[in-house]
Amino acid sequence: MHFQWYPGHMTKAKRQMQEDMKLIDLVIELVDARIPLSSRNPDIDDLGKHKARLILMNKADLASKEQTAAWSSYFKEKGYFVVNLDARTRAGMKNINEVVAKACQEKIERDWRRGIKNRPVRAMVVGIPNVGKSTFINTYAGKACAKTGNKPGVTKGKQWIRLNKNLELLDTPGILWPKFEDQRVGLYLALIGSIKDEILNIDELSLELIQILQEKYPGILHERFEIQEEQKPAEILGEIAKNRNCVKKGNELDYSKAAALLVEEFRSGKLGKITLEFPEKQS
């Protein structure tokens, strides 16, 4: 499969983010724990290079615990603060305030030395589509989410949301897509649902997924679908169609239905806790 996705609004979003960076102390970047590297936009590192950095590995409930721990170490070694979480169930959310305070310790101490006490940390939440950015903001803010109005010196129209007494969020999150020259990145983004299914060939996508599972998670397809894995991906898809009664009129196997079912079961975690990329192969 060939993936090409770099929308025209990227340049505008990037320019806007560059301007907004001047107003903030902390960049909170959400990534998908199943593909922590491929779900990042490399421009964020350049745009936020002089800011405190926190990576939230969201959807950690769907990823391999072992690989999530390995990725956490990988990012920490590179100087990021890291929290693993599942924004939907609030798992890991309680750790965020403490980590934000650590990430911004220098800024807080500098404020104190200048006699500025209790000024909230100003943060920007960034992340590509479908990593759970909105869910995180809504869960974190809860019902106490309140806009604090325009700040002096801030361009008209920008709003700050007070998440708690120590943290304010700039309510102008730009959406940035990664420009993937590596087709593997495009494949991973398609698998987690960051690229619209309407522009994808789900049949081909499912065959790619089968290949990855055969290589990295041997036994998982056998366990879930009671099939022999020592076959070609297309044959395995046929077995899944047979076992899950995916048939068309005339009792023909419905490969497309089986493909959609397999991809959905991966995305929802029904296949198990699966991480698609491992840090040791990226470092």
C-alpha atoms as a PDB file:
ATOM      1  CA  MET A   1       0.000   0.000   0.000  1.00  0.00           C
ATOM      2  CA  HIS A   2       1.135   3.547  -0.676  1.00  0.00           C
ATOM      3  CA  PHE A   3       0.255   6.329   1.766  1.00  0.00           C
ATOM      4  CA  GLN A   4       0.419  10.000   0.903  1.00  0.00           C
ATOM      5  CA  TRP A   5      -1.039  12.442   3.403  1.00  0.00           C
ATOM      6  CA  TYR A   6       0.181  15.956   4.057  1.00  0.00           C
ATOM      7  CA  PRO A   7      -2.800  18.352   3.992  1.00  0.00           C
ATOM      8  CA  GLY A   8      -2.442  21.884   2.682  1.00  0.00           C
ATOM      9  CA  HIS A   9      -3.417  23.475   6.000  1.00  0.00           C
ATOM     10  CA  MET A  10      -0.186  22.118   7.540  1.00  0.00           C
ATOM     11  CA  THR A  11       1.817  25.271   6.778  1.00  0.00           C
ATOM     12  CA  LYS A  12      -0.821  27.525   8.363  1.00  0.00           C
ATOM     13  CA  ALA A  13      -1.084  25.315  11.445  1.00  0.00           C
ATOM     14  CA  LYS A  14       2.680  25.256  11.816  1.00  0.00           C
ATOM     15  CA  ARG A  15       2.951  29.040  11.559  1.00  0.00           C
ATOM     16  CA  GLN A  16       0.166  29.470  14.130  1.00  0.00           C
ATOM     17  CA  MET A  17       1.868  27.067  16.515  1.00  0.00           C
ATOM     18  CA  GLN A  18       5.157  28.940  16.116  1.00  0.00           C
ATOM     19  CA  GLU A  19       3.425  32.128  17.268  1.00  0.00           C
ATOM     20  CA  ASP A  20       1.639  30.403  20.151  1.00  0.00           C
ATOM     21  CA  MET A  21       4.876  28.826  21.418  1.00  0.00           C
ATOM     22  CA  LYS A  22       6.001  32.285  22.596  1.00  0.00           C
ATOM     23  CA  LEU A  23       3.143  32.327  25.113  1.00  0.00           C
ATOM     24  CA  ILE A  24       3.639  28.968  26.784  1.00  0.00           C
ATOM     25  CA  ASP A  25       5.935  27.231  29.300  1.00  0.00           C
ATOM     26  CA  LEU A  26       5.165  23.601  28.524  1.00  0.00           C
ATOM     27  CA  VAL A  27       4.376  21.475  25.466  1.00  0.00           C
ATOM     28  CA  ILE A  28       2.174  18.478  26.309  1.00  0.00           C
ATOM     29  CA  GLU A  29       2.384  16.055  23.387  1.00  0.00           C
ATOM     30  CA  LEU A  30      -0.013  13.140  23.055  1.00  0.00           C
ATOM     31  CA  VAL A  31       1.118  10.046  21.178  1.00  0.00           C
ATOM     32  CA  ASP A  32      -0.539   6.669  20.667  1.00  0.00           C
ATOM     33  CA  ALA A  33       1.190   4.101  22.897  1.00  0.00           C
ATOM     34  CA  ARG A  34       0.858   1.462  20.147  1.00  0.00           C
ATOM     35  CA  ILE A  35       2.997   3.551  17.762  1.00  0.00           C
ATOM     36  CA  PRO A  36       4.777   6.125  19.946  1.00  0.00           C
ATOM     37  CA  LEU A  37       7.225   7.242  17.278  1.00  0.00           C
ATOM     38  CA  SER A  38       5.018   7.126  14.189  1.00  0.00           C
ATOM     39  CA  SER A  39       2.237   9.091  15.928  1.00  0.00           C
ATOM     40  CA  ARG A  40       4.573  12.028  16.601  1.00  0.00           C
ATOM     41  CA  ASN A  41       5.048  15.004  14.334  1.00  0.00           C
ATOM     42  CA  PRO A  42       8.780  15.702  14.043  1.00  0.00           C
ATOM     43  CA  ASP A  43       8.078  19.449  13.664  1.00  0.00           C
ATOM     44  CA  ILE A  44       7.049  19.592  17.340  1.00  0.00           C
ATOM     45  CA  ASP A  45      10.637  19.007  18.458  1.00  0.00           C
ATOM     46  CA  ASP A  46      11.820  21.956  16.419  1.00  0.00           C
ATOM     47  CA  LEU A  47       8.920  24.244  17.398  1.00  0.00           C
ATOM     48  CA  GLY A  48       9.143  23.438  21.101  1.00  0.00           C
ATOM     49  CA  LYS A  49      12.902  23.051  21.500  1.00  0.00           C
ATOM     50  CA  HIS A  50      13.240  25.717  24.222  1.00  0.00           C
ATOM     51  CA  LYS A  51      10.184  24.602  26.210  1.00  0.00           C
ATOM     52  CA  ALA A  52       9.616  21.999  28.908  1.00  0.00           C
ATOM     53  CA  ARG A  53       8.345  18.815  27.251  1.00  0.00           C
ATOM     54  CA  LEU A  54       5.884  16.195  28.447  1.00  0.00           C
ATOM     55  CA  ILE A  55       4.919  13.178  26.349  1.00  0.00           C
ATOM     56  CA  LEU A  56       1.636  11.459  27.223  1.00  0.00           C
ATOM     57  CA  MET A  57       1.501   7.932  25.867  1.00  0.00           C
ATOM     58  CA  ASN A  58      -2.249   7.617  25.506  1.00  0.00           C
ATOM     59  CA  LYS A  59      -4.226   4.420  24.881  1.00  0.00           C
ATOM     60  CA  ALA A  60      -1.633   2.548  26.954  1.00  0.00           C
ATOM     61  CA  ASP A  61      -4.441   0.112  27.839  1.00  0.00           C
ATOM     62  CA  LEU A  62      -4.328  -1.146  24.219  1.00  0.00           C
ATOM     63  CA  ALA A  63      -0.539  -1.479  24.036  1.00  0.00           C
ATOM     64  CA  SER A  64       1.939  -4.077  25.283  1.00  0.00           C
ATOM     65  CA  LYS A  65       2.922  -3.193  28.879  1.00  0.00           C
ATOM     66  CA  GLU A  66       6.477  -4.331  28.267  1.00  0.00           C
ATOM     67  CA  GLN A  67       6.878  -2.180  25.152  1.00  0.00           C
ATOM     68  CA  THR A  68       5.188   0.822  26.786  1.00  0.00           C
ATOM     69  CA  ALA A  69       7.754   0.648  29.594  1.00  0.00           C
ATOM     70  CA  ALA A  70      10.544   0.388  27.005  1.00  0.00           C
ATOM     71  CA  TRP A  71       9.224   3.418  25.105  1.00  0.00           C
ATOM     72  CA  SER A  72       8.877   5.361  28.341  1.00  0.00           C
ATOM     73  CA  SER A  73      12.582   4.759  29.070  1.00  0.00           C
ATOM     74  CA  TYR A  74      13.455   5.647  25.467  1.00  0.00           C
ATOM     75  CA  PHE A  75      11.773   9.074  25.696  1.00  0.00           C
ATOM     76  CA  LYS A  76      13.098   9.797  29.197  1.00  0.00           C
ATOM     77  CA  GLU A  77      16.647   9.144  27.980  1.00  0.00           C
ATOM     78  CA  LYS A  78      16.044  11.815  25.343  1.00  0.00           C
ATOM     79  CA  GLY A  79      15.086  14.359  28.015  1.00  0.00           C
ATOM     80  CA  TYR A  80      11.285  14.198  27.932  1.00  0.00           C
ATOM     81  CA  PHE A  81       8.993  13.753  30.907  1.00  0.00           C
ATOM     82  CA  VAL A  82       6.602  10.857  30.260  1.00  0.00           C
ATOM     83  CA  VAL A  83       3.220   9.676  31.570  1.00  0.00           C
ATOM     84  CA  ASN A  84       1.408   6.554  30.347  1.00  0.00           C
ATOM     85  CA  LEU A  85      -2.354   6.871  30.414  1.00  0.00           C
ATOM     86  CA  ASP A  86      -5.773   5.973  29.109  1.00  0.00           C
ATOM     87  CA  ALA A  87      -7.659   9.265  28.930  1.00  0.00           C
ATOM     88  CA  ARG A  88     -11.031   7.515  28.539  1.00  0.00           C
ATOM     89  CA  THR A  89     -10.878   5.672  31.863  1.00  0.00           C
ATOM     90  CA  ARG A  90      -8.694   8.278  33.610  1.00  0.00           C
ATOM     91  CA  ALA A  91      -5.979   5.655  34.221  1.00  0.00           C
ATOM     92  CA  GLY A  92      -2.704   7.511  34.770  1.00  0.00           C
ATOM     93  CA  MET A  93      -4.368  10.955  34.887  1.00  0.00           C
ATOM     94  CA  LYS A  94      -3.624  11.457  38.575  1.00  0.00           C
ATOM     95  CA  ASN A  95       0.133  11.424  37.843  1.00  0.00           C
ATOM     96  CA  ILE A  96       0.007  14.367  35.450  1.00  0.00           C
ATOM     97  CA  ASN A  97      -0.067  17.295  37.908  1.00  0.00           C
ATOM     98  CA  GLU A  98       3.008  16.005  39.719  1.00  0.00           C
ATOM     99  CA  VAL A  99       4.921  15.474  36.460  1.00  0.00           C
ATOM    100  CA  VAL A 100       3.895  18.916  35.131  1.00  0.00           C
ATOM    101  CA  ALA A 101       5.324  20.475  38.334  1.00  0.00           C
ATOM    102  CA  LYS A 102       8.598  18.558  37.826  1.00  0.00           C
ATOM    103  CA  ALA A 103       8.806  19.469  34.140  1.00  0.00           C
ATOM    104  CA  CYS A 104       8.300  23.169  34.943  1.00  0.00           C
ATOM    105  CA  GLN A 105      10.333  23.274  38.152  1.00  0.00           C
ATOM    106  CA  GLU A 106      12.903  25.678  36.688  1.00  0.00           C
ATOM    107  CA  LYS A 107      10.183  28.067  35.523  1.00  0.00           C
ATOM    108  CA  ILE A 108       8.393  27.916  38.905  1.00  0.00           C
ATOM    109  CA  GLU A 109      11.636  28.573  40.814  1.00  0.00           C
ATOM    110  CA  ARG A 110      12.502  31.450  38.457  1.00  0.00           C
ATOM    111  CA  ASP A 111       9.077  33.010  39.123  1.00  0.00           C
ATOM    112  CA  TRP A 112       9.605  32.727  42.881  1.00  0.00           C
ATOM    113  CA  ARG A 113      12.994  34.436  42.648  1.00  0.00           C
ATOM    114  CA  ARG A 114      11.311  37.290  40.797  1.00  0.00           C
ATOM    115  CA  GLY A 115       8.582  37.512  43.431  1.00  0.00           C
ATOM    116  CA  ILE A 116       5.927  36.026  41.109  1.00  0.00           C
ATOM    117  CA  LYS A 117       4.017  33.492  43.191  1.00  0.00           C
ATOM    118  CA  ASN A 118       1.355  31.029  42.135  1.00  0.00           C
ATOM    119  CA  ARG A 119       1.345  31.964  38.438  1.00  0.00           C
ATOM    120  CA  PRO A 120      -0.097  28.921  36.661  1.00  0.00           C
ATOM    121  CA  VAL A 121       2.007  27.025  34.164  1.00  0.00           C
ATOM    122  CA  ARG A 122       0.810  27.785  30.643  1.00  0.00           C
ATOM    123  CA  ALA A 123       0.684  24.755  28.403  1.00  0.00           C
ATOM    124  CA  MET A 124      -0.201  23.757  24.874  1.00  0.00           C
ATOM    125  CA  VAL A 125      -1.525  20.289  24.078  1.00  0.00           C
ATOM    126  CA  VAL A 126      -0.427  18.981  20.690  1.00  0.00           C
ATOM    127  CA  GLY A 127      -0.952  15.730  18.858  1.00  0.00           C
ATOM    128  CA  ILE A 128      -2.000  14.339  15.514  1.00  0.00           C
ATOM    129  CA  PRO A 129      -5.653  13.334  14.912  1.00  0.00           C
ATOM    130  CA  ASN A 130      -7.041  10.311  16.742  1.00  0.00           C
ATOM    131  CA  VAL A 131      -4.451  10.150  19.528  1.00  0.00           C
ATOM    132  CA  GLY A 132      -7.135  11.247  22.007  1.00  0.00           C
ATOM    133  CA  LYS A 133      -6.269  14.926  22.441  1.00  0.00           C
ATOM    134  CA  SER A 134      -9.861  16.140  22.939  1.00  0.00           C
ATOM    135  CA  THR A 135     -10.677  13.249  25.261  1.00  0.00           C
ATOM    136  CA  PHE A 136      -7.601  14.050  27.338  1.00  0.00           C
ATOM    137  CA  ILE A 137      -8.449  17.761  27.621  1.00  0.00           C
ATOM    138  CA  ASN A 138     -12.086  17.039  28.528  1.00  0.00           C
ATOM    139  CA  THR A 139     -11.161  14.355  31.044  1.00  0.00           C
ATOM    140  CA  TYR A 140      -8.395  16.420  32.604  1.00  0.00           C
ATOM    141  CA  ALA A 141     -10.452  19.600  32.808  1.00  0.00           C
ATOM    142  CA  GLY A 142     -13.670  17.910  33.868  1.00  0.00           C
ATOM    143  CA  LYS A 143     -16.596  20.173  34.698  1.00  0.00           C
ATOM    144  CA  ALA A 144     -14.267  22.743  36.262  1.00  0.00           C
ATOM    145  CA  CYS A 145     -13.044  23.720  32.797  1.00  0.00           C
ATOM    146  CA  ALA A 146     -13.370  27.515  32.615  1.00  0.00           C
ATOM    147  CA  LYS A 147     -12.068  30.022  30.130  1.00  0.00           C
ATOM    148  CA  THR A 148     -10.090  32.696  31.938  1.00  0.00           C
ATOM    149  CA  GLY A 149     -10.417  35.288  29.188  1.00  0.00           C
ATOM    150  CA  ASN A 150      -7.832  37.059  27.108  1.00  0.00           C
ATOM    151  CA  LYS A 151      -4.485  37.713  28.720  1.00  0.00           C
ATOM    152  CA  PRO A 152      -2.715  41.049  28.252  1.00  0.00           C
ATOM    153  CA  GLY A 153      -0.446  41.030  25.236  1.00  0.00           C
ATOM    154  CA  VAL A 154      -2.162  38.023  23.708  1.00  0.00           C
ATOM    155  CA  THR A 155      -3.631  38.239  20.227  1.00  0.00           C
ATOM    156  CA  LYS A 156      -7.366  38.841  20.358  1.00  0.00           C
ATOM    157  CA  GLY A 157      -9.377  35.671  20.175  1.00  0.00           C
ATOM    158  CA  LYS A 158      -6.916  33.397  21.963  1.00  0.00           C
ATOM    159  CA  GLN A 159      -8.500  31.862  25.044  1.00  0.00           C
ATOM    160  CA  TRP A 160      -6.936  30.278  28.078  1.00  0.00           C
ATOM    161  CA  ILE A 161      -8.650  27.384  29.821  1.00  0.00           C
ATOM    162  CA  ARG A 162      -7.870  26.930  33.486  1.00  0.00           C
ATOM    163  CA  LEU A 163      -7.507  23.195  34.032  1.00  0.00           C
ATOM    164  CA  ASN A 164      -6.667  23.632  37.716  1.00  0.00           C
ATOM    165  CA  LYS A 165      -5.064  26.301  39.898  1.00  0.00           C
ATOM    166  CA  ASN A 166      -1.587  25.357  38.671  1.00  0.00           C
ATOM    167  CA  LEU A 167      -2.159  24.845  34.963  1.00  0.00           C
ATOM    168  CA  GLU A 168      -3.712  26.812  32.104  1.00  0.00           C
ATOM    169  CA  LEU A 169      -4.120  25.564  28.572  1.00  0.00           C
ATOM    170  CA  LEU A 170      -3.970  27.721  25.469  1.00  0.00           C
ATOM    171  CA  ASP A 171      -7.149  26.914  23.605  1.00  0.00           C
ATOM    172  CA  THR A 172      -5.717  27.109  20.075  1.00  0.00           C
ATOM    173  CA  PRO A 173      -4.383  23.628  19.436  1.00  0.00           C
ATOM    174  CA  GLY A 174      -3.104  23.342  15.868  1.00  0.00           C
ATOM    175  CA  ILE A 175      -3.433  19.951  14.218  1.00  0.00           C
ATOM    176  CA  LEU A 176      -0.156  18.816  12.720  1.00  0.00           C
ATOM    177  CA  TRP A 177       0.229  15.750  10.551  1.00  0.00           C
ATOM    178  CA  PRO A 178       3.491  13.920  10.180  1.00  0.00           C
ATOM    179  CA  LYS A 179       4.883  13.980   6.666  1.00  0.00           C
ATOM    180  CA  PHE A 180       5.687  10.364   6.201  1.00  0.00           C
ATOM    181  CA  GLU A 181       8.417   9.615   3.742  1.00  0.00           C
ATOM    182  CA  ASP A 182       8.667   6.205   5.423  1.00  0.00           C
ATOM    183  CA  GLN A 183       5.631   4.250   4.234  1.00  0.00           C
ATOM    184  CA  ARG A 184       5.733   2.169   7.409  1.00  0.00           C
ATOM    185  CA  VAL A 185       4.658   5.298   9.338  1.00  0.00           C
ATOM    186  CA  GLY A 186       1.676   5.695   6.997  1.00  0.00           C
ATOM    187  CA  LEU A 187       0.768   2.043   7.496  1.00  0.00           C
ATOM    188  CA  TYR A 188       0.857   2.331  11.299  1.00  0.00           C
ATOM    189  CA  LEU A 189      -1.256   5.503  11.250  1.00  0.00           C
ATOM    190  CA  ALA A 190      -3.798   3.768   9.011  1.00  0.00           C
ATOM    191  CA  LEU A 191      -3.963   0.791  11.361  1.00  0.00           C
ATOM    192  CA  ILE A 192      -4.733   2.885  14.466  1.00  0.00           C
ATOM    193  CA  GLY A 193      -7.397   4.868  12.565  1.00  0.00           C
ATOM    194  CA  SER A 194      -5.603   8.205  12.165  1.00  0.00           C
ATOM    195  CA  ILE A 195      -6.213   8.145   8.411  1.00  0.00           C
ATOM    196  CA  LYS A 196      -9.833   7.986   7.247  1.00  0.00           C
ATOM    197  CA  ASP A 197     -10.867   4.460   6.331  1.00  0.00           C
ATOM    198  CA  GLU A 198     -12.734   5.844   3.302  1.00  0.00           C
ATOM    199  CA  ILE A 199      -9.430   6.583   1.539  1.00  0.00           C
ATOM    200  CA  LEU A 200      -7.841   3.248   2.467  1.00  0.00           C
ATOM    201  CA  ASN A 201      -7.996  -0.256   1.065  1.00  0.00           C
ATOM    202  CA  ILE A 202      -9.029  -2.140   4.218  1.00  0.00           C
ATOM    203  CA  ASP A 203      -8.444  -5.516   2.546  1.00  0.00           C
ATOM    204  CA  GLU A 204      -4.782  -4.675   1.919  1.00  0.00           C
ATOM    205  CA  LEU A 205      -4.489  -3.082   5.353  1.00  0.00           C
ATOM    206  CA  SER A 206      -5.675  -6.289   7.004  1.00  0.00           C
ATOM    207  CA  LEU A 207      -3.069  -8.340   5.102  1.00  0.00           C
ATOM    208  CA  GLU A 208      -0.337  -5.971   6.345  1.00  0.00           C
ATOM    209  CA  LEU A 209      -1.676  -6.362   9.885  1.00  0.00           C
ATOM    210  CA  ILE A 210      -1.638 -10.157   9.594  1.00  0.00           C
ATOM    211  CA  GLN A 211       2.003 -10.036   8.480  1.00  0.00           C
ATOM    212  CA  ILE A 212       2.968  -7.824  11.451  1.00  0.00           C
ATOM    213  CA  LEU A 213       1.138 -10.120  13.886  1.00  0.00           C
ATOM    214  CA  GLN A 214       2.767 -13.223  12.405  1.00  0.00           C
ATOM    215  CA  GLU A 215       6.188 -11.643  12.855  1.00  0.00           C
ATOM    216  CA  LYS A 216       5.820  -9.847  16.211  1.00  0.00           C
ATOM    217  CA  TYR A 217       3.002 -11.667  18.010  1.00  0.00           C
ATOM    218  CA  PRO A 218       3.091 -15.310  16.891  1.00  0.00           C
ATOM    219  CA  GLY A 219       0.184 -17.300  18.297  1.00  0.00           C
ATOM    220  CA  ILE A 220      -2.209 -14.380  18.712  1.00  0.00           C
ATOM    221  CA  LEU A 221      -4.221 -15.103  15.543  1.00  0.00           C
ATOM    222  CA  HIS A 222      -4.400 -18.800  16.382  1.00  0.00           C
ATOM    223  CA  GLU A 223      -5.655 -17.969  19.879  1.00  0.00           C
ATOM    224  CA  ARG A 224      -8.289 -15.482  18.712  1.00  0.00           C
ATOM    225  CA  PHE A 225      -9.575 -17.190  15.557  1.00  0.00           C
ATOM    226  CA  GLU A 226      -8.548 -20.846  16.045  1.00  0.00           C
ATOM    227  CA  ILE A 227      -6.600 -20.922  12.788  1.00  0.00           C
ATOM    228  CA  GLN A 228      -3.217 -22.160  11.663  1.00  0.00           C
ATOM    229  CA  GLU A 229      -0.811 -19.244  11.329  1.00  0.00           C
ATOM    230  CA  GLU A 230       1.712 -20.976   9.039  1.00  0.00           C
ATOM    231  CA  GLN A 231      -0.099 -19.728   5.944  1.00  0.00           C
ATOM    232  CA  LYS A 232       0.045 -16.748   3.612  1.00  0.00           C
ATOM    233  CA  PRO A 233      -1.824 -13.635   4.885  1.00  0.00           C
ATOM    234  CA  ALA A 234      -4.558 -13.976   2.229  1.00  0.00           C
ATOM    235  CA  GLU A 235      -5.175 -17.602   3.286  1.00  0.00           C
ATOM    236  CA  ILE A 236      -5.351 -16.550   6.938  1.00  0.00           C
ATOM    237  CA  LEU A 237      -7.898 -13.862   6.023  1.00  0.00           C
ATOM    238  CA  GLY A 238      -9.953 -16.552   4.288  1.00  0.00           C
ATOM    239  CA  GLU A 239      -9.809 -18.714   7.439  1.00  0.00           C
ATOM    240  CA  ILE A 240     -10.977 -15.750   9.535  1.00  0.00           C
ATOM    241  CA  ALA A 241     -13.855 -15.171   7.090  1.00  0.00           C
ATOM    242  CA  LYS A 242     -14.826 -18.858   7.392  1.00  0.00           C
ATOM    243  CA  ASN A 243     -14.609 -18.969  11.191  1.00  0.00           C
ATOM    244  CA  ARG A 244     -16.517 -15.722  11.674  1.00  0.00           C
ATOM    245  CA  ASN A 245     -19.159 -16.586   9.094  1.00  0.00           C
ATOM    246  CA  CYS A 246     -18.266 -13.698   6.769  1.00  0.00           C
ATOM    247  CA  VAL A 247     -20.069 -14.889   3.650  1.00  0.00           C
ATOM    248  CA  LYS A 248     -21.780 -13.282   0.676  1.00  0.00           C
ATOM    249  CA  LYS A 249     -24.723 -14.513  -1.348  1.00  0.00           C
ATOM    250  CA  GLY A 250     -23.942 -17.806  -2.969  1.00  0.00           C
ATOM    251  CA  ASN A 251     -21.961 -18.869   0.118  1.00  0.00           C
ATOM    252  CA  GLU A 252     -18.819 -17.071  -1.084  1.00  0.00           C
ATOM    253  CA  LEU A 253     -16.329 -15.897   1.524  1.00  0.00           C
ATOM    254  CA  ASP A 254     -16.572 -12.148   2.169  1.00  0.00           C
ATOM    255  CA  TYR A 255     -12.922 -11.150   2.468  1.00  0.00           C
ATOM    256  CA  SER A 256     -13.721  -7.444   2.860  1.00  0.00           C
ATOM    257  CA  LYS A 257     -16.007  -8.092   5.818  1.00  0.00           C
ATOM    258  CA  ALA A 258     -13.357 -10.281   7.451  1.00  0.00           C
ATOM    259  CA  ALA A 259     -10.713  -7.605   6.808  1.00  0.00           C
ATOM    260  CA  ALA A 260     -12.815  -4.892   8.451  1.00  0.00           C
ATOM    261  CA  LEU A 261     -13.531  -7.209  11.386  1.00  0.00           C
ATOM    262  CA  LEU A 262      -9.832  -7.967  11.922  1.00  0.00           C
ATOM    263  CA  VAL A 263      -8.777  -4.295  11.806  1.00  0.00           C
ATOM    264  CA  GLU A 264     -11.599  -3.328  14.192  1.00  0.00           C
ATOM    265  CA  GLU A 265     -10.612  -6.076  16.646  1.00  0.00           C
ATOM    266  CA  PHE A 266      -7.043  -4.791  16.635  1.00  0.00           C
ATOM    267  CA  ARG A 267      -8.120  -1.175  17.182  1.00  0.00           C
ATOM    268  CA  SER A 268     -10.488  -2.025  20.019  1.00  0.00           C
ATOM    269  CA  GLY A 269      -7.979  -4.246  21.826  1.00  0.00           C
ATOM    270  CA  LYS A 270      -9.941  -7.469  21.319  1.00  0.00           C
ATOM    271  CA  LEU A 271      -6.854  -9.109  19.790  1.00  0.00           C
ATOM    272  CA  GLY A 272      -4.880  -8.282  22.933  1.00  0.00           C
ATOM    273  CA  LYS A 273      -2.407  -5.594  24.002  1.00  0.00           C
ATOM    274  CA  ILE A 274      -0.378  -4.933  20.870  1.00  0.00           C
ATOM    275  CA  THR A 275       2.392  -2.425  20.160  1.00  0.00           C
ATOM    276  CA  LEU A 276       3.314  -2.187  16.489  1.00  0.00           C
ATOM    277  CA  GLU A 277       6.760  -0.562  16.749  1.00  0.00           C
ATOM    278  CA  PHE A 278       9.503  -1.308  19.228  1.00  0.00           C
ATOM    279  CA  PRO A 279      12.040   1.271  20.493  1.00  0.00           C
ATOM    280  CA  GLU A 280      15.133  -0.873  20.133  1.00  0.00           C
ATOM    281  CA  LYS A 281      14.612  -0.834  16.355  1.00  0.00           C
ATOM    282  CA  GLN A 282      14.250   2.944  16.255  1.00  0.00           C
ATOM    283  CA  SER A 283      17.129   4.106  18.431  1.00  0.00           C
END
